[in-house]
Amino acid sequence: MKYEWRKEEKNLYGVRQTPIIVDVPKQKFIMIKGEGDPNKADFSDRISALYSLAYTIKMLFKASMKNRSDDKITDFTVYPLEGLWEKGDEKALDKSKLKYSLMIKQPNFITQDIFIKAFENVKKKKTNSLYDEISFEEIKEGKAIQILHVGSYDDEPKSFEQMKEFARKFNLTRTGDFHREIYLSNKNRTSEEKQKTILRYTVR
């Protein structure tokens, strides 16, 4: 049986263009930190390193379950790329000073041991100094507001304004200095006006 996040986790990924409140459980991620303009090569290099490891984890898990004959999960769809971005002055954004963490969620059945083995395997296949910057972490966000943003990343302030009004309406206060972006579209294959991104930040 193949685990598919779009079907199994609709409460987190089946988002519309109006804000909602969600309770985000503890989740596992492979993560890599960075800073600077996301339009520069370093940003895409970090994404490439992350995806290489994500698919190595997937293939390692699939191989380990090859001979299972019961109804256990034997494969899974790789989750979308996410970014955790430091909160800044949205009216005067200097992309060269951005700080972020890029991450790809892992299913609950992926363990530290699988991560370590996949990490060793991917380093043997192709030398990349960025692999050593990837970590395996658990994060619990808890109560949060999220919305589906459709369009250019530069137009995200419009969606953030909707989230701000929603928070005000329900007397919610934003916590932390970061917001999360979940990239449901491949920017290289999707026109800018059709790109879909989930925006989320925690509240109390």
Foldseek 3Di string as FASTA:
>chain_A
DEAECVVPPCVPVVFAQAKDKDFFFKFKKKKFKDAFACVDPVNVLLVVLQVLLQVLLQVLQLVVCVPPDDPDHNGYDWFFKKKKWFADDLVDDDRGGIIIMIITTDDPPRDPVSSVVSLVVSCVVDPDPRSVRIDMDIDGQTIKMKHKDAAAPNPCVVSVVSVVVVCVVVVKAFDDRIKMKTWPDDPVPDDRRGTIIMIMTHID
